């Protein structure tokens, strides 16, 4: 079993389309979802009520089992 897999263990709404994400290695970073909310199913994220209704699944941030992002992607593209 690989114990080095990245997971999001906490997510907090910051403002606009930004979430503060805490990863299982202790790193805390901000991720701006606005650029991703411009295409495809992700346009649902433009509705702030929908955006703020995120949940955590065992690995990452999830919106109604419709939209989710690989935790590795969030880790690599967020800013400290």
PDB file of N, CA and C in Angstrom:
ATOM      1  N   UNK A   1       0.836  -1.189   0.000  1.00  0.00           N
ATOM      2  CA  UNK A   1       0.000   0.000   0.000  1.00  0.00           C
ATOM      3  C   UNK A   1       0.874   1.244   0.000  1.00  0.00           C
ATOM      4  N   UNK A   2       0.558   2.190  -0.872  1.00  0.00           N
ATOM      5  CA  UNK A   2       1.314   3.427  -0.967  1.00  0.00           C
ATOM      6  C   UNK A   2       0.745   4.435   0.025  1.00  0.00           C
ATOM      7  N   UNK A   3       1.551   4.795   1.020  1.00  0.00           N
ATOM      8  CA  UNK A   3       1.089   5.743   2.032  1.00  0.00           C
ATOM      9  C   UNK A   3       1.448   7.181   1.666  1.00  0.00           C
ATOM     10  N   UNK A   4       2.052   7.390   0.490  1.00  0.00           N
ATOM     11  CA  UNK A   4       2.459   8.721   0.067  1.00  0.00           C
ATOM     12  C   UNK A   4       1.450   9.392  -0.854  1.00  0.00           C
ATOM     13  N   UNK A   5       0.258   8.838  -0.970  1.00  0.00           N
ATOM     14  CA  UNK A   5      -0.753   9.442  -1.824  1.00  0.00           C
ATOM     15  C   UNK A   5      -1.245  10.754  -1.225  1.00  0.00           C
ATOM     16  N   UNK A   6      -1.364  11.755  -2.081  1.00  0.00           N
ATOM     17  CA  UNK A   6      -1.845  13.066  -1.641  1.00  0.00           C
ATOM     18  C   UNK A   6      -3.369  13.017  -1.501  1.00  0.00           C
ATOM     19  N   UNK A   7      -3.866  13.589  -0.400  1.00  0.00           N
ATOM     20  CA  UNK A   7      -5.304  13.712  -0.166  1.00  0.00           C
ATOM     21  C   UNK A   7      -5.589  15.101   0.379  1.00  0.00           C
ATOM     22  N   UNK A   8      -6.765  15.596   0.093  1.00  0.00           N
ATOM     23  CA  UNK A   8      -7.248  16.828   0.719  1.00  0.00           C
ATOM     24  C   UNK A   8      -7.973  16.401   1.987  1.00  0.00           C
ATOM     25  N   UNK A   9      -7.510  16.897   3.130  1.00  0.00           N
ATOM     26  CA  UNK A   9      -8.129  16.492   4.396  1.00  0.00           C
ATOM     27  C   UNK A   9      -9.000  17.586   5.006  1.00  0.00           C
ATOM     28  N   UNK A  10      -8.888  18.814   4.453  1.00  0.00           N
ATOM     29  CA  UNK A  10      -9.713  19.911   4.932  1.00  0.00           C
ATOM     30  C   UNK A  10      -9.832  20.941   3.817  1.00  0.00           C
ATOM     31  N   UNK A  11     -10.991  21.538   3.694  1.00  0.00           N
ATOM     32  CA  UNK A  11     -11.208  22.596   2.701  1.00  0.00           C
ATOM     33  C   UNK A  11     -12.072  23.670   3.333  1.00  0.00           C
ATOM     34  N   UNK A  12     -11.663  24.914   3.140  1.00  0.00           N
ATOM     35  CA  UNK A  12     -12.393  26.055   3.678  1.00  0.00           C
ATOM     36  C   UNK A  12     -12.619  27.074   2.569  1.00  0.00           C
ATOM     37  N   UNK A  13     -13.824  27.615   2.530  1.00  0.00           N
ATOM     38  CA  UNK A  13     -14.122  28.683   1.577  1.00  0.00           C
ATOM     39  C   UNK A  13     -13.388  29.940   2.020  1.00  0.00           C
ATOM     40  N   UNK A  14     -12.689  30.600   1.083  1.00  0.00           N
ATOM     41  CA  UNK A  14     -11.965  31.826   1.389  1.00  0.00           C
ATOM     42  C   UNK A  14     -12.756  33.028   0.882  1.00  0.00           C
ATOM     43  N   UNK A  15     -12.952  33.105  -0.420  1.00  0.00           N
ATOM     44  CA  UNK A  15     -13.690  34.202  -1.066  1.00  0.00           C
ATOM     45  C   UNK A  15     -13.805  33.873  -2.542  1.00  0.00           C
ATOM     46  N   UNK A  16     -14.765  34.508  -3.190  1.00  0.00           N
ATOM     47  CA  UNK A  16     -14.962  34.307  -4.623  1.00  0.00           C
ATOM     48  C   UNK A  16     -14.952  32.807  -4.952  1.00  0.00           C
ATOM     49  N   UNK A  17     -13.975  32.365  -5.699  1.00  0.00           N
ATOM     50  CA  UNK A  17     -13.899  30.953  -6.123  1.00  0.00           C
ATOM     51  C   UNK A  17     -12.634  30.286  -5.583  1.00  0.00           C
ATOM     52  N   UNK A  18     -12.204  30.735  -4.419  1.00  0.00           N
ATOM     53  CA  UNK A  18     -10.971  30.240  -3.813  1.00  0.00           C
ATOM     54  C   UNK A  18     -11.288  29.396  -2.581  1.00  0.00           C
ATOM     55  N   UNK A  19     -10.651  28.231  -2.530  1.00  0.00           N
ATOM     56  CA  UNK A  19     -10.714  27.376  -1.347  1.00  0.00           C
ATOM     57  C   UNK A  19      -9.315  27.236  -0.758  1.00  0.00           C
ATOM     58  N   UNK A  20      -9.248  27.226   0.561  1.00  0.00           N
ATOM     59  CA  UNK A  20      -8.001  26.931   1.265  1.00  0.00           C
ATOM     60  C   UNK A  20      -8.018  25.428   1.540  1.00  0.00           C
ATOM     61  N   UNK A  21      -7.030  24.743   0.993  1.00  0.00           N
ATOM     62  CA  UNK A  21      -6.968  23.293   1.065  1.00  0.00           C
ATOM     63  C   UNK A  21      -5.836  22.849   1.979  1.00  0.00           C
ATOM     64  N   UNK A  22      -6.138  21.938   2.867  1.00  0.00           N
ATOM     65  CA  UNK A  22      -5.117  21.324   3.713  1.00  0.00           C
ATOM     66  C   UNK A  22      -4.912  19.906   3.203  1.00  0.00           C
ATOM     67  N   UNK A  23      -3.663  19.572   2.936  1.00  0.00           N
ATOM     68  CA  UNK A  23      -3.320  18.262   2.410  1.00  0.00           C
ATOM     69  C   UNK A  23      -2.784  17.370   3.522  1.00  0.00           C
ATOM     70  N   UNK A  24      -2.804  16.081   3.280  1.00  0.00           N
ATOM     71  CA  UNK A  24      -2.420  15.126   4.320  1.00  0.00           C
ATOM     72  C   UNK A  24      -0.938  15.188   4.686  1.00  0.00           C
ATOM     73  N   UNK A  25      -0.134  15.937   3.948  1.00  0.00           N
ATOM     74  CA  UNK A  25       1.265  16.126   4.347  1.00  0.00           C
ATOM     75  C   UNK A  25       1.433  17.381   5.198  1.00  0.00           C
ATOM     76  N   UNK A  26       0.301  18.052   5.524  1.00  0.00           N
ATOM     77  CA  UNK A  26       0.328  19.239   6.374  1.00  0.00           C
ATOM     78  C   UNK A  26       0.382  20.552   5.619  1.00  0.00           C
ATOM     79  N   UNK A  27       0.638  20.507   4.321  1.00  0.00           N
ATOM     80  CA  UNK A  27       0.716  21.735   3.538  1.00  0.00           C
ATOM     81  C   UNK A  27      -0.677  22.340   3.372  1.00  0.00           C
ATOM     82  N   UNK A  28      -0.748  23.674   3.518  1.00  0.00           N
ATOM     83  CA  UNK A  28      -2.003  24.415   3.332  1.00  0.00           C
ATOM     84  C   UNK A  28      -1.785  25.375   2.178  1.00  0.00           C
ATOM     85  N   UNK A  29      -2.669  25.284   1.171  1.00  0.00           N
ATOM     86  CA  UNK A  29      -2.525  26.099  -0.031  1.00  0.00           C
ATOM     87  C   UNK A  29      -3.898  26.581  -0.488  1.00  0.00           C
ATOM     88  N   UNK A  30      -3.911  27.678  -1.234  1.00  0.00           N
ATOM     89  CA  UNK A  30      -5.144  28.207  -1.810  1.00  0.00           C
ATOM     90  C   UNK A  30      -5.239  27.815  -3.280  1.00  0.00           C
ATOM     91  N   UNK A  31      -6.462  27.464  -3.682  1.00  0.00           N
ATOM     92  CA  UNK A  31      -6.698  27.111  -5.079  1.00  0.00           C
ATOM     93  C   UNK A  31      -7.850  27.962  -5.595  1.00  0.00           C
ATOM     94  N   UNK A  32      -7.606  28.656  -6.722  1.00  0.00           N
ATOM     95  CA  UNK A  32      -8.627  29.475  -7.371  1.00  0.00           C
ATOM     96  C   UNK A  32      -9.278  28.644  -8.476  1.00  0.00           C
ATOM     97  N   UNK A  33     -10.542  28.297  -8.289  1.00  0.00           N
ATOM     98  CA  UNK A  33     -11.257  27.454  -9.238  1.00  0.00           C
ATOM     99  C   UNK A  33     -11.846  28.237 -10.411  1.00  0.00           C
ATOM    100  N   UNK A  34     -11.800  29.578 -10.382  1.00  0.00           N
ATOM    101  CA  UNK A  34     -12.436  30.366 -11.420  1.00  0.00           C
ATOM    102  C   UNK A  34     -11.971  29.987 -12.833  1.00  0.00           C
ATOM    103  N   UNK A  35     -10.684  29.866 -13.098  1.00  0.00           N
ATOM    104  CA  UNK A  35     -10.272  29.495 -14.462  1.00  0.00           C
ATOM    105  C   UNK A  35     -10.874  28.153 -14.913  1.00  0.00           C
ATOM    106  N   UNK A  36     -11.023  27.213 -14.015  1.00  0.00           N
ATOM    107  CA  UNK A  36     -11.585  25.912 -14.369  1.00  0.00           C
ATOM    108  C   UNK A  36     -13.097  25.975 -14.582  1.00  0.00           C
ATOM    109  N   UNK A  37     -13.729  27.001 -14.024  1.00  0.00           N
ATOM    110  CA  UNK A  37     -15.187  27.128 -14.091  1.00  0.00           C
ATOM    111  C   UNK A  37     -15.660  27.720 -15.416  1.00  0.00           C
ATOM    112  N   UNK A  38     -14.788  27.791 -16.394  1.00  0.00           N
ATOM    113  CA  UNK A  38     -15.133  28.421 -17.662  1.00  0.00           C
ATOM    114  C   UNK A  38     -15.563  27.440 -18.750  1.00  0.00           C
ATOM    115  N   UNK A  39     -15.424  26.137 -18.492  1.00  0.00           N
ATOM    116  CA  UNK A  39     -15.700  25.163 -19.548  1.00  0.00           C
ATOM    117  C   UNK A  39     -16.428  23.936 -19.033  1.00  0.00           C
ATOM    118  N   UNK A  40     -17.205  23.348 -19.918  1.00  0.00           N
ATOM    119  CA  UNK A  40     -17.847  22.062 -19.656  1.00  0.00           C
ATOM    120  C   UNK A  40     -18.723  22.066 -18.417  1.00  0.00           C
ATOM    121  N   UNK A  41     -18.776  20.918 -17.762  1.00  0.00           N
ATOM    122  CA  UNK A  41     -19.597  20.775 -16.565  1.00  0.00           C
ATOM    123  C   UNK A  41     -19.136  21.709 -15.445  1.00  0.00           C
ATOM    124  N   UNK A  42     -17.882  22.120 -15.491  1.00  0.00           N
ATOM    125  CA  UNK A  42     -17.344  22.993 -14.442  1.00  0.00           C
ATOM    126  C   UNK A  42     -17.988  24.374 -14.434  1.00  0.00           C
ATOM    127  N   UNK A  43     -18.723  24.742 -15.498  1.00  0.00           N
ATOM    128  CA  UNK A  43     -19.411  26.033 -15.479  1.00  0.00           C
ATOM    129  C   UNK A  43     -20.432  26.091 -14.348  1.00  0.00           C
ATOM    130  N   UNK A  44     -20.859  24.940 -13.831  1.00  0.00           N
ATOM    131  CA  UNK A  44     -21.763  24.925 -12.668  1.00  0.00           C
ATOM    132  C   UNK A  44     -21.127  25.612 -11.465  1.00  0.00           C
ATOM    133  N   UNK A  45     -19.798  25.607 -11.410  1.00  0.00           N
ATOM    134  CA  UNK A  45     -19.089  26.226 -10.286  1.00  0.00           C
ATOM    135  C   UNK A  45     -19.235  27.742 -10.280  1.00  0.00           C
ATOM    136  N   UNK A  46     -19.658  28.340 -11.397  1.00  0.00           N
ATOM    137  CA  UNK A  46     -19.852  29.787 -11.443  1.00  0.00           C
ATOM    138  C   UNK A  46     -20.971  30.243 -10.517  1.00  0.00           C
ATOM    139  N   UNK A  47     -21.889  29.365 -10.194  1.00  0.00           N
ATOM    140  CA  UNK A  47     -22.951  29.659  -9.231  1.00  0.00           C
ATOM    141  C   UNK A  47     -22.326  29.557  -7.836  1.00  0.00           C
ATOM    142  N   UNK A  48     -22.156  30.683  -7.171  1.00  0.00           N
ATOM    143  CA  UNK A  48     -21.471  30.685  -5.871  1.00  0.00           C
ATOM    144  C   UNK A  48     -22.163  29.816  -4.830  1.00  0.00           C
ATOM    145  N   UNK A  49     -23.483  29.728  -4.883  1.00  0.00           N
ATOM    146  CA  UNK A  49     -24.177  28.847  -3.940  1.00  0.00           C
ATOM    147  C   UNK A  49     -23.767  27.394  -4.166  1.00  0.00           C
ATOM    148  N   UNK A  50     -23.682  26.987  -5.416  1.00  0.00           N
ATOM    149  CA  UNK A  50     -23.232  25.636  -5.757  1.00  0.00           C
ATOM    150  C   UNK A  50     -21.770  25.457  -5.336  1.00  0.00           C
ATOM    151  N   UNK A  51     -20.941  26.455  -5.670  1.00  0.00           N
ATOM    152  CA  UNK A  51     -19.520  26.372  -5.352  1.00  0.00           C
ATOM    153  C   UNK A  51     -19.288  26.196  -3.849  1.00  0.00           C
ATOM    154  N   UNK A  52     -20.001  26.960  -3.058  1.00  0.00           N
ATOM    155  CA  UNK A  52     -19.807  26.900  -1.604  1.00  0.00           C
ATOM    156  C   UNK A  52     -20.390  25.634  -0.981  1.00  0.00           C
ATOM    157  N   UNK A  53     -21.126  24.859  -1.754  1.00  0.00           N
ATOM    158  CA  UNK A  53     -21.729  23.619  -1.241  1.00  0.00           C
ATOM    159  C   UNK A  53     -20.810  22.406  -1.450  1.00  0.00           C
ATOM    160  N   UNK A  54     -19.521  22.638  -1.547  1.00  0.00           N
ATOM    161  CA  UNK A  54     -18.563  21.541  -1.723  1.00  0.00           C
ATOM    162  C   UNK A  54     -18.555  20.628  -0.494  1.00  0.00           C
ATOM    163  N   UNK A  55     -18.086  19.445  -0.703  1.00  0.00           N
ATOM    164  CA  UNK A  55     -17.873  18.463   0.366  1.00  0.00           C
ATOM    165  C   UNK A  55     -16.527  17.799   0.139  1.00  0.00           C
ATOM    166  N   UNK A  56     -16.057  17.117   1.139  1.00  0.00           N
ATOM    167  CA  UNK A  56     -14.850  16.301   0.983  1.00  0.00           C
ATOM    168  C   UNK A  56     -15.266  14.846   0.848  1.00  0.00           C
ATOM    169  N   UNK A  57     -14.705  14.178  -0.142  1.00  0.00           N
ATOM    170  CA  UNK A  57     -14.825  12.725  -0.189  1.00  0.00           C
ATOM    171  C   UNK A  57     -13.541  12.185   0.440  1.00  0.00           C
ATOM    172  N   UNK A  58     -13.267  10.915   0.410  1.00  0.00           N
ATOM    173  CA  UNK A  58     -12.042  10.429   1.067  1.00  0.00           C
ATOM    174  C   UNK A  58     -10.730  10.962   0.477  1.00  0.00           C
ATOM    175  N   UNK A  59     -10.786  11.570  -0.720  1.00  0.00           N
ATOM    176  CA  UNK A  59      -9.548  11.993  -1.377  1.00  0.00           C
ATOM    177  C   UNK A  59      -9.472  13.468  -1.701  1.00  0.00           C
ATOM    178  N   UNK A  60     -10.600  14.095  -2.007  1.00  0.00           N
ATOM    179  CA  UNK A  60     -10.536  15.425  -2.598  1.00  0.00           C
ATOM    180  C   UNK A  60     -11.827  16.205  -2.350  1.00  0.00           C
ATOM    181  N   UNK A  61     -11.890  17.386  -2.924  1.00  0.00           N
ATOM    182  CA  UNK A  61     -13.076  18.232  -2.874  1.00  0.00           C
ATOM    183  C   UNK A  61     -14.053  17.737  -3.937  1.00  0.00           C
ATOM    184  N   UNK A  62     -15.334  17.737  -3.605  1.00  0.00           N
ATOM    185  CA  UNK A  62     -16.344  17.192  -4.500  1.00  0.00           C
ATOM    186  C   UNK A  62     -17.592  18.066  -4.460  1.00  0.00           C
ATOM    187  N   UNK A  63     -18.214  18.219  -5.613  1.00  0.00           N
ATOM    188  CA  UNK A  63     -19.477  18.925  -5.714  1.00  0.00           C
ATOM    189  C   UNK A  63     -20.543  17.952  -6.180  1.00  0.00           C
ATOM    190  N   UNK A  64     -21.366  17.504  -5.252  1.00  0.00           N
ATOM    191  CA  UNK A  64     -22.546  16.707  -5.551  1.00  0.00           C
ATOM    192  C   UNK A  64     -22.242  15.457  -6.392  1.00  0.00           C
ATOM    193  N   UNK A  65     -21.096  14.866  -6.217  1.00  0.00           N
ATOM    194  CA  UNK A  65     -20.672  13.703  -7.012  1.00  0.00           C
ATOM    195  C   UNK A  65     -20.697  13.986  -8.508  1.00  0.00           C
ATOM    196  N   UNK A  66     -20.624  15.256  -8.884  1.00  0.00           N
ATOM    197  CA  UNK A  66     -20.631  15.656 -10.294  1.00  0.00           C
ATOM    198  C   UNK A  66     -19.271  16.182 -10.726  1.00  0.00           C
ATOM    199  N   UNK A  67     -18.645  16.941  -9.841  1.00  0.00           N
ATOM    200  CA  UNK A  67     -17.393  17.597 -10.186  1.00  0.00           C
ATOM    201  C   UNK A  67     -16.386  17.309  -9.082  1.00  0.00           C
ATOM    202  N   UNK A  68     -15.234  16.860  -9.477  1.00  0.00           N
ATOM    203  CA  UNK A  68     -14.145  16.614  -8.543  1.00  0.00           C
ATOM    204  C   UNK A  68     -12.827  16.730  -9.281  1.00  0.00           C
ATOM    205  N   UNK A  69     -11.796  17.007  -8.549  1.00  0.00           N
ATOM    206  CA  UNK A  69     -10.479  17.180  -9.150  1.00  0.00           C
ATOM    207  C   UNK A  69      -9.487  16.286  -8.430  1.00  0.00           C
ATOM    208  N   UNK A  70      -8.562  15.735  -9.183  1.00  0.00           N
ATOM    209  CA  UNK A  70      -7.536  14.895  -8.581  1.00  0.00           C
ATOM    210  C   UNK A  70      -6.785  15.698  -7.528  1.00  0.00           C
ATOM    211  N   UNK A  71      -6.572  15.120  -6.357  1.00  0.00           N
ATOM    212  CA  UNK A  71      -5.873  15.872  -5.315  1.00  0.00           C
ATOM    213  C   UNK A  71      -4.460  16.265  -5.741  1.00  0.00           C
ATOM    214  N   UNK A  72      -3.831  15.459  -6.578  1.00  0.00           N
ATOM    215  CA  UNK A  72      -2.489  15.793  -7.062  1.00  0.00           C
ATOM    216  C   UNK A  72      -2.519  17.064  -7.910  1.00  0.00           C
ATOM    217  N   UNK A  73      -3.571  17.200  -8.725  1.00  0.00           N
ATOM    218  CA  UNK A  73      -3.726  18.405  -9.547  1.00  0.00           C
ATOM    219  C   UNK A  73      -3.893  19.628  -8.649  1.00  0.00           C
ATOM    220  N   UNK A  74      -4.755  19.530  -7.660  1.00  0.00           N
ATOM    221  CA  UNK A  74      -4.968  20.644  -6.736  1.00  0.00           C
ATOM    222  C   UNK A  74      -3.685  20.995  -5.989  1.00  0.00           C
ATOM    223  N   UNK A  75      -2.943  19.996  -5.587  1.00  0.00           N
ATOM    224  CA  UNK A  75      -1.685  20.184  -4.861  1.00  0.00           C
ATOM    225  C   UNK A  75      -0.670  20.931  -5.731  1.00  0.00           C
ATOM    226  N   UNK A  76      -0.540  20.502  -6.969  1.00  0.00           N
ATOM    227  CA  UNK A  76       0.470  21.076  -7.860  1.00  0.00           C
ATOM    228  C   UNK A  76       0.111  22.469  -8.356  1.00  0.00           C
ATOM    229  N   UNK A  77      -1.193  22.788  -8.458  1.00  0.00           N
ATOM    230  CA  UNK A  77      -1.610  24.049  -9.049  1.00  0.00           C
ATOM    231  C   UNK A  77      -2.138  25.073  -8.054  1.00  0.00           C
ATOM    232  N   UNK A  78      -2.044  24.781  -6.780  1.00  0.00           N
ATOM    233  CA  UNK A  78      -2.468  25.755  -5.778  1.00  0.00           C
ATOM    234  C   UNK A  78      -1.245  26.524  -5.286  1.00  0.00           C
ATOM    235  N   UNK A  79      -1.509  27.617  -4.574  1.00  0.00           N
ATOM    236  CA  UNK A  79      -0.417  28.474  -4.103  1.00  0.00           C
ATOM    237  C   UNK A  79      -0.448  28.560  -2.574  1.00  0.00           C
ATOM    238  N   UNK A  80       0.738  28.600  -2.022  1.00  0.00           N
ATOM    239  CA  UNK A  80       0.861  28.677  -0.561  1.00  0.00           C
ATOM    240  C   UNK A  80       0.601  30.089  -0.083  1.00  0.00           C
TER     241      UNK A  80
END
